[in-house]
Amino acid sequence: MSDESGPEGVRKWLRWIRTTDNEIVVYAREIGMSVATVLLVGLLLFAVSGVWPPMVAVESGSMEPNMGVGELVFVMDENRLGNDAAHADTGVVTYRDGREAGYTEFSEYGDVIIFRADNRSGTPIIHRARFWVAEGENWYDKTNPDYVGGANGCDELRNCPAPHAGFITKGDNNPSYDQLSGLSRPVRPSWIVGTAEFGIPKLGYVKLCAIELQTPGSQPKCPVG
């Protein structure tokens, strides 16, 4: 009499799981394989990117036309790949430095960074790093006049002089710097999640629609029609 609880019994049970045509088992097997595949892909992406989650979905048009709503963006730790044009040891290349070095990401100079505005929890921001400011710096002369709302000096700019060192950021499609609109103070390196490396248009809608379904009453994110 065989011992069904021994190694041979376990092997027979696993063989049956793999080969049976039982509908319930087949369904469970397919779900298990799908989950395992997703986990494996996620772990591989994490190993490459060094951040979790390794992909984020674009929720607004602030980076259009270079990054559209619903785009799924692959994120990498900003120090993962060294770049001689990066500011100090931050791993981030600003628009100003990128222009000098001829370095572009998403059709413009400099890195697009994913950061937590004022280090708050919630959905991170995906905007371009424009330039670096030191603590107490009058950074008016570094600005593009088109992005300061007609201000004539530092005393007319929010967060100027800089309350602390960090990056001045801006959405490519926004009319002014984030630090002037009140979105965030200068972005400290510790607030940065990573840099955007490439995007897949529309694929991010899967994540955005899932968020909408899980959060009744939230702002609609799924495409209509």
C-alpha atoms as a PDB file:
ATOM      1  CA  MET A   1       0.000   0.000   0.000  1.00  0.00           C
ATOM      2  CA  SER A   2       1.557   3.311  -1.122  1.00  0.00           C
ATOM      3  CA  ASP A   3       1.956   6.227   1.226  1.00  0.00           C
ATOM      4  CA  GLU A   4      -0.030   9.056  -0.388  1.00  0.00           C
ATOM      5  CA  SER A   5       1.474  11.520   2.080  1.00  0.00           C
ATOM      6  CA  GLY A   6       5.041  10.652   1.098  1.00  0.00           C
ATOM      7  CA  PRO A   7       7.170  12.112  -1.707  1.00  0.00           C
ATOM      8  CA  GLU A   8       5.649   9.824  -4.356  1.00  0.00           C
ATOM      9  CA  GLY A   9       2.142  10.819  -3.318  1.00  0.00           C
ATOM     10  CA  VAL A  10       3.016  14.514  -3.543  1.00  0.00           C
ATOM     11  CA  ARG A  11       4.498  14.007  -7.022  1.00  0.00           C
ATOM     12  CA  LYS A  12       1.349  12.239  -8.189  1.00  0.00           C
ATOM     13  CA  TRP A  13      -0.804  15.045  -6.806  1.00  0.00           C
ATOM     14  CA  LEU A  14       1.286  17.736  -8.540  1.00  0.00           C
ATOM     15  CA  ARG A  15       1.245  15.751 -11.799  1.00  0.00           C
ATOM     16  CA  TRP A  16      -2.546  15.590 -11.609  1.00  0.00           C
ATOM     17  CA  ILE A  17      -2.728  19.366 -11.023  1.00  0.00           C
ATOM     18  CA  ARG A  18      -0.594  19.962 -14.137  1.00  0.00           C
ATOM     19  CA  THR A  19      -2.423  17.575 -16.443  1.00  0.00           C
ATOM     20  CA  THR A  20      -6.066  17.347 -15.333  1.00  0.00           C
ATOM     21  CA  ASP A  21      -8.893  18.702 -17.494  1.00  0.00           C
ATOM     22  CA  ASN A  22     -11.009  19.540 -14.452  1.00  0.00           C
ATOM     23  CA  GLU A  23     -12.437  23.007 -15.240  1.00  0.00           C
ATOM     24  CA  ILE A  24     -11.959  24.411 -11.744  1.00  0.00           C
ATOM     25  CA  VAL A  25      -8.369  23.214 -11.566  1.00  0.00           C
ATOM     26  CA  VAL A  26      -7.625  24.476 -15.097  1.00  0.00           C
ATOM     27  CA  TYR A  27      -9.028  27.906 -14.186  1.00  0.00           C
ATOM     28  CA  ALA A  28      -7.030  28.043 -10.946  1.00  0.00           C
ATOM     29  CA  ARG A  29      -3.916  26.875 -12.789  1.00  0.00           C
ATOM     30  CA  GLU A  30      -4.231  29.637 -15.394  1.00  0.00           C
ATOM     31  CA  ILE A  31      -4.745  32.290 -12.714  1.00  0.00           C
ATOM     32  CA  GLY A  32      -1.740  30.993 -10.808  1.00  0.00           C
ATOM     33  CA  MET A  33       0.447  31.089 -13.917  1.00  0.00           C
ATOM     34  CA  SER A  34      -0.703  34.628 -14.725  1.00  0.00           C
ATOM     35  CA  VAL A  35       0.034  35.837 -11.197  1.00  0.00           C
ATOM     36  CA  ALA A  36       3.427  34.123 -11.237  1.00  0.00           C
ATOM     37  CA  THR A  37       4.262  35.728 -14.594  1.00  0.00           C
ATOM     38  CA  VAL A  38       3.286  39.194 -13.367  1.00  0.00           C
ATOM     39  CA  LEU A  39       5.348  38.736 -10.199  1.00  0.00           C
ATOM     40  CA  LEU A  40       8.342  37.506 -12.184  1.00  0.00           C
ATOM     41  CA  VAL A  41       8.175  40.445 -14.596  1.00  0.00           C
ATOM     42  CA  GLY A  42       7.779  42.835 -11.657  1.00  0.00           C
ATOM     43  CA  LEU A  43      10.812  41.377  -9.880  1.00  0.00           C
ATOM     44  CA  LEU A  44      12.899  41.585 -13.055  1.00  0.00           C
ATOM     45  CA  LEU A  45      11.898  45.214 -13.604  1.00  0.00           C
ATOM     46  CA  PHE A  46      12.686  45.996  -9.968  1.00  0.00           C
ATOM     47  CA  ALA A  47      16.095  44.363 -10.332  1.00  0.00           C
ATOM     48  CA  VAL A  48      16.819  46.547 -13.365  1.00  0.00           C
ATOM     49  CA  SER A  49      15.290  49.816 -12.136  1.00  0.00           C
ATOM     50  CA  GLY A  50      16.076  49.720  -8.422  1.00  0.00           C
ATOM     51  CA  VAL A  51      12.718  51.320  -7.525  1.00  0.00           C
ATOM     52  CA  TRP A  52       9.248  50.035  -6.659  1.00  0.00           C
ATOM     53  CA  PRO A  53       6.927  50.253  -8.404  1.00  0.00           C
ATOM     54  CA  PRO A  54       9.146  50.289 -11.515  1.00  0.00           C
ATOM     55  CA  MET A  55       6.382  51.778 -13.662  1.00  0.00           C
ATOM     56  CA  VAL A  56       3.989  54.691 -13.166  1.00  0.00           C
ATOM     57  CA  ALA A  57       1.020  55.915 -15.199  1.00  0.00           C
ATOM     58  CA  VAL A  58       0.781  59.533 -16.345  1.00  0.00           C
ATOM     59  CA  GLU A  59      -2.445  61.050 -14.993  1.00  0.00           C
ATOM     60  CA  SER A  60      -2.394  64.594 -16.399  1.00  0.00           C
ATOM     61  CA  GLY A  61      -1.425  66.491 -19.523  1.00  0.00           C
ATOM     62  CA  SER A  62       1.241  68.596 -17.793  1.00  0.00           C
ATOM     63  CA  MET A  63       4.036  66.932 -19.798  1.00  0.00           C
ATOM     64  CA  GLU A  64       2.354  66.932 -23.207  1.00  0.00           C
ATOM     65  CA  PRO A  65       3.252  66.561 -26.000  1.00  0.00           C
ATOM     66  CA  ASN A  66       6.345  64.710 -24.783  1.00  0.00           C
ATOM     67  CA  MET A  67       4.473  62.461 -22.349  1.00  0.00           C
ATOM     68  CA  GLY A  68       0.735  61.896 -22.689  1.00  0.00           C
ATOM     69  CA  VAL A  69      -2.084  60.976 -20.334  1.00  0.00           C
ATOM     70  CA  GLY A  70      -2.310  57.211 -19.979  1.00  0.00           C
ATOM     71  CA  GLU A  71       1.344  56.649 -20.841  1.00  0.00           C
ATOM     72  CA  LEU A  72       3.041  53.933 -18.803  1.00  0.00           C
ATOM     73  CA  VAL A  73       6.486  55.175 -17.808  1.00  0.00           C
ATOM     74  CA  PHE A  74       9.432  53.008 -16.788  1.00  0.00           C
ATOM     75  CA  VAL A  75      11.205  54.503 -13.762  1.00  0.00           C
ATOM     76  CA  MET A  76      14.830  53.978 -12.781  1.00  0.00           C
ATOM     77  CA  ASP A  77      16.762  54.950  -9.659  1.00  0.00           C
ATOM     78  CA  GLU A  78      18.417  58.261 -10.530  1.00  0.00           C
ATOM     79  CA  ASN A  79      21.835  56.932  -9.494  1.00  0.00           C
ATOM     80  CA  ARG A  80      21.500  53.631 -11.352  1.00  0.00           C
ATOM     81  CA  LEU A  81      23.244  54.899 -14.482  1.00  0.00           C
ATOM     82  CA  GLY A  82      26.032  57.417 -14.066  1.00  0.00           C
ATOM     83  CA  ASN A  83      25.988  60.574 -16.182  1.00  0.00           C
ATOM     84  CA  ASP A  84      28.797  63.117 -16.245  1.00  0.00           C
ATOM     85  CA  ALA A  85      26.249  65.896 -16.825  1.00  0.00           C
ATOM     86  CA  ALA A  86      24.334  65.111 -13.611  1.00  0.00           C
ATOM     87  CA  HIS A  87      24.358  67.725 -10.870  1.00  0.00           C
ATOM     88  CA  ALA A  88      26.897  66.773  -8.183  1.00  0.00           C
ATOM     89  CA  ASP A  89      26.014  63.321  -6.824  1.00  0.00           C
ATOM     90  CA  THR A  90      22.247  63.582  -7.400  1.00  0.00           C
ATOM     91  CA  GLY A  91      22.250  61.481 -10.579  1.00  0.00           C
ATOM     92  CA  VAL A  92      19.876  64.022 -12.187  1.00  0.00           C
ATOM     93  CA  VAL A  93      20.693  66.050 -15.301  1.00  0.00           C
ATOM     94  CA  THR A  94      18.875  69.393 -15.334  1.00  0.00           C
ATOM     95  CA  TYR A  95      17.546  71.148 -18.416  1.00  0.00           C
ATOM     96  CA  ARG A  96      20.333  73.742 -18.166  1.00  0.00           C
ATOM     97  CA  ASP A  97      23.089  71.139 -17.864  1.00  0.00           C
ATOM     98  CA  GLY A  98      21.485  68.906 -20.467  1.00  0.00           C
ATOM     99  CA  ARG A  99      21.446  71.764 -22.967  1.00  0.00           C
ATOM    100  CA  GLU A 100      25.191  72.247 -22.520  1.00  0.00           C
ATOM    101  CA  ALA A 101      25.908  68.519 -22.759  1.00  0.00           C
ATOM    102  CA  GLY A 102      23.438  67.769 -25.565  1.00  0.00           C
ATOM    103  CA  TYR A 103      21.587  65.319 -23.295  1.00  0.00           C
ATOM    104  CA  THR A 104      17.859  64.823 -23.900  1.00  0.00           C
ATOM    105  CA  GLU A 105      15.031  62.740 -22.472  1.00  0.00           C
ATOM    106  CA  PHE A 106      11.486  62.743 -23.831  1.00  0.00           C
ATOM    107  CA  SER A 107      12.325  65.195 -26.634  1.00  0.00           C
ATOM    108  CA  GLU A 108      13.749  67.930 -24.372  1.00  0.00           C
ATOM    109  CA  TYR A 109      16.983  68.645 -22.518  1.00  0.00           C
ATOM    110  CA  GLY A 110      17.479  67.153 -19.074  1.00  0.00           C
ATOM    111  CA  ASP A 111      15.874  64.420 -16.997  1.00  0.00           C
ATOM    112  CA  VAL A 112      12.201  63.965 -16.251  1.00  0.00           C
ATOM    113  CA  ILE A 113      12.032  63.095 -12.563  1.00  0.00           C
ATOM    114  CA  ILE A 114       9.345  61.401 -10.497  1.00  0.00           C
ATOM    115  CA  PHE A 115       9.163  63.086  -7.095  1.00  0.00           C
ATOM    116  CA  ARG A 116       6.948  63.546  -4.067  1.00  0.00           C
ATOM    117  CA  ALA A 117       6.010  67.224  -3.837  1.00  0.00           C
ATOM    118  CA  ASP A 118       7.201  68.581  -0.470  1.00  0.00           C
ATOM    119  CA  ASN A 119       7.815  64.923   0.426  1.00  0.00           C
ATOM    120  CA  ARG A 120       4.076  64.367   0.841  1.00  0.00           C
ATOM    121  CA  SER A 121       2.434  60.977   0.415  1.00  0.00           C
ATOM    122  CA  GLY A 122       0.087  60.424  -2.482  1.00  0.00           C
ATOM    123  CA  THR A 123       0.551  60.395  -6.238  1.00  0.00           C
ATOM    124  CA  PRO A 124       4.076  61.497  -7.199  1.00  0.00           C
ATOM    125  CA  ILE A 125       4.710  64.236  -9.769  1.00  0.00           C
ATOM    126  CA  ILE A 126       6.338  63.564 -13.158  1.00  0.00           C
ATOM    127  CA  HIS A 127       8.038  66.795 -14.301  1.00  0.00           C
ATOM    128  CA  ARG A 128      11.333  67.935 -15.785  1.00  0.00           C
ATOM    129  CA  ALA A 129      14.230  69.134 -13.634  1.00  0.00           C
ATOM    130  CA  ARG A 130      15.018  72.628 -14.965  1.00  0.00           C
ATOM    131  CA  PHE A 131      17.926  73.796 -12.793  1.00  0.00           C
ATOM    132  CA  TRP A 132      19.466  73.516  -9.324  1.00  0.00           C
ATOM    133  CA  VAL A 133      19.333  76.207  -6.648  1.00  0.00           C
ATOM    134  CA  ALA A 134      21.344  76.559  -3.454  1.00  0.00           C
ATOM    135  CA  GLU A 135      19.797  77.408  -0.103  1.00  0.00           C
ATOM    136  CA  GLY A 136      19.126  81.136   0.093  1.00  0.00           C
ATOM    137  CA  GLU A 137      19.899  81.668  -3.598  1.00  0.00           C
ATOM    138  CA  ASN A 138      18.240  84.410  -5.627  1.00  0.00           C
ATOM    139  CA  TRP A 139      17.461  82.251  -8.645  1.00  0.00           C
ATOM    140  CA  TYR A 140      15.529  84.786 -10.694  1.00  0.00           C
ATOM    141  CA  ASP A 141      18.375  85.187 -13.216  1.00  0.00           C
ATOM    142  CA  LYS A 142      18.295  81.443 -13.951  1.00  0.00           C
ATOM    143  CA  THR A 143      14.653  81.510 -15.004  1.00  0.00           C
ATOM    144  CA  ASN A 144      13.122  81.637 -18.452  1.00  0.00           C
ATOM    145  CA  PRO A 145      11.122  84.922 -18.538  1.00  0.00           C
ATOM    146  CA  ASP A 146       8.246  83.071 -20.199  1.00  0.00           C
ATOM    147  CA  TYR A 147       7.729  80.923 -17.091  1.00  0.00           C
ATOM    148  CA  VAL A 148       7.640  83.510 -14.285  1.00  0.00           C
ATOM    149  CA  GLY A 149       4.259  85.106 -14.924  1.00  0.00           C
ATOM    150  CA  GLY A 150       5.649  88.567 -15.592  1.00  0.00           C
ATOM    151  CA  ALA A 151       7.658  88.776 -12.354  1.00  0.00           C
ATOM    152  CA  ASN A 152      10.498  91.307 -12.424  1.00  0.00           C
ATOM    153  CA  GLY A 153      12.635  89.985  -9.601  1.00  0.00           C
ATOM    154  CA  CYS A 154      13.136  87.468  -6.823  1.00  0.00           C
ATOM    155  CA  ASP A 155      10.873  89.378  -4.449  1.00  0.00           C
ATOM    156  CA  GLU A 156       7.956  88.667  -6.794  1.00  0.00           C
ATOM    157  CA  LEU A 157       8.604  84.918  -6.961  1.00  0.00           C
ATOM    158  CA  ARG A 158       7.352  82.312  -4.537  1.00  0.00           C
ATOM    159  CA  ASN A 159      10.179  80.256  -2.981  1.00  0.00           C
ATOM    160  CA  CYS A 160      12.744  82.913  -3.884  1.00  0.00           C
ATOM    161  CA  PRO A 161      15.244  83.189  -2.279  1.00  0.00           C
ATOM    162  CA  ALA A 162      15.310  79.395  -2.141  1.00  0.00           C
ATOM    163  CA  PRO A 163      14.219  78.055   1.282  1.00  0.00           C
ATOM    164  CA  HIS A 164      16.626  75.144   0.796  1.00  0.00           C
ATOM    165  CA  ALA A 165      18.757  73.565  -1.923  1.00  0.00           C
ATOM    166  CA  GLY A 166      16.982  71.542  -4.588  1.00  0.00           C
ATOM    167  CA  PHE A 167      15.710  71.302  -8.134  1.00  0.00           C
ATOM    168  CA  ILE A 168      13.397  73.813  -9.778  1.00  0.00           C
ATOM    169  CA  THR A 169      10.950  71.757 -11.824  1.00  0.00           C
ATOM    170  CA  LYS A 170       8.283  72.285 -14.450  1.00  0.00           C
ATOM    171  CA  GLY A 171       5.827  70.308 -16.529  1.00  0.00           C
ATOM    172  CA  ASP A 172       6.705  70.768 -20.209  1.00  0.00           C
ATOM    173  CA  ASN A 173       3.124  71.845 -20.900  1.00  0.00           C
ATOM    174  CA  ASN A 174       2.718  74.072 -17.823  1.00  0.00           C
ATOM    175  CA  PRO A 175       2.973  77.880 -17.983  1.00  0.00           C
ATOM    176  CA  SER A 176       5.221  78.300 -14.924  1.00  0.00           C
ATOM    177  CA  TYR A 177       7.672  76.539 -12.645  1.00  0.00           C
ATOM    178  CA  ASP A 178       6.227  74.242  -9.986  1.00  0.00           C
ATOM    179  CA  GLN A 179       7.872  76.325  -7.280  1.00  0.00           C
ATOM    180  CA  LEU A 180       5.955  79.430  -8.413  1.00  0.00           C
ATOM    181  CA  SER A 181       2.584  77.727  -8.718  1.00  0.00           C
ATOM    182  CA  GLY A 182       2.816  76.343  -5.180  1.00  0.00           C
ATOM    183  CA  LEU A 183       2.977  72.719  -6.293  1.00  0.00           C
ATOM    184  CA  SER A 184       6.230  72.134  -4.443  1.00  0.00           C
ATOM    185  CA  ARG A 185       9.203  73.838  -2.856  1.00  0.00           C
ATOM    186  CA  PRO A 186      12.578  73.173  -4.534  1.00  0.00           C
ATOM    187  CA  VAL A 187      12.778  69.400  -4.881  1.00  0.00           C
ATOM    188  CA  ARG A 188      15.300  67.871  -2.491  1.00  0.00           C
ATOM    189  CA  PRO A 189      17.174  64.815  -3.856  1.00  0.00           C
ATOM    190  CA  SER A 190      15.628  62.721  -1.059  1.00  0.00           C
ATOM    191  CA  TRP A 191      12.144  63.443  -2.453  1.00  0.00           C
ATOM    192  CA  ILE A 192      12.992  61.920  -5.833  1.00  0.00           C
ATOM    193  CA  VAL A 193      11.626  58.452  -6.610  1.00  0.00           C
ATOM    194  CA  GLY A 194      13.596  58.076  -9.847  1.00  0.00           C
ATOM    195  CA  THR A 195      14.009  59.265 -13.418  1.00  0.00           C
ATOM    196  CA  ALA A 196      11.680  58.490 -16.325  1.00  0.00           C
ATOM    197  CA  GLU A 197      13.466  56.364 -18.932  1.00  0.00           C
ATOM    198  CA  PHE A 198      10.851  55.518 -21.559  1.00  0.00           C
ATOM    199  CA  GLY A 199       7.090  55.385 -21.945  1.00  0.00           C
ATOM    200  CA  ILE A 200       4.489  53.167 -23.595  1.00  0.00           C
ATOM    201  CA  PRO A 201       1.494  55.233 -24.790  1.00  0.00           C
ATOM    202  CA  LYS A 202      -1.995  54.266 -23.573  1.00  0.00           C
ATOM    203  CA  LEU A 203      -0.857  51.202 -21.592  1.00  0.00           C
ATOM    204  CA  GLY A 204      -1.071  53.162 -18.353  1.00  0.00           C
ATOM    205  CA  TYR A 205      -4.840  53.408 -18.745  1.00  0.00           C
ATOM    206  CA  VAL A 206      -5.036  49.874 -17.341  1.00  0.00           C
ATOM    207  CA  LYS A 207      -3.676  51.158 -14.032  1.00  0.00           C
ATOM    208  CA  LEU A 208      -5.663  54.411 -14.142  1.00  0.00           C
ATOM    209  CA  CYS A 209      -8.949  52.590 -14.774  1.00  0.00           C
ATOM    210  CA  ALA A 210      -8.211  50.173 -11.932  1.00  0.00           C
ATOM    211  CA  ILE A 211      -7.659  53.126  -9.582  1.00  0.00           C
ATOM    212  CA  GLU A 212     -10.926  54.697 -10.725  1.00  0.00           C
ATOM    213  CA  LEU A 213     -12.854  51.482 -10.085  1.00  0.00           C
ATOM    214  CA  GLN A 214     -11.314  51.113  -6.622  1.00  0.00           C
ATOM    215  CA  THR A 215     -12.036  54.734  -5.668  1.00  0.00           C
ATOM    216  CA  PRO A 216     -15.705  55.642  -6.256  1.00  0.00           C
ATOM    217  CA  GLY A 217     -16.218  59.358  -6.712  1.00  0.00           C
ATOM    218  CA  SER A 218     -12.619  59.996  -7.754  1.00  0.00           C
ATOM    219  CA  GLN A 219     -11.755  62.134 -10.759  1.00  0.00           C
ATOM    220  CA  PRO A 220     -12.444  60.085 -13.940  1.00  0.00           C
ATOM    221  CA  LYS A 221      -9.257  58.664 -15.440  1.00  0.00           C
ATOM    222  CA  CYS A 222     -10.573  56.085 -17.917  1.00  0.00           C
ATOM    223  CA  PRO A 223     -10.979  57.174 -21.553  1.00  0.00           C
ATOM    224  CA  VAL A 224     -14.590  57.561 -22.674  1.00  0.00           C
ATOM    225  CA  GLY A 225     -15.745  56.449 -26.092  1.00  0.00           C
END
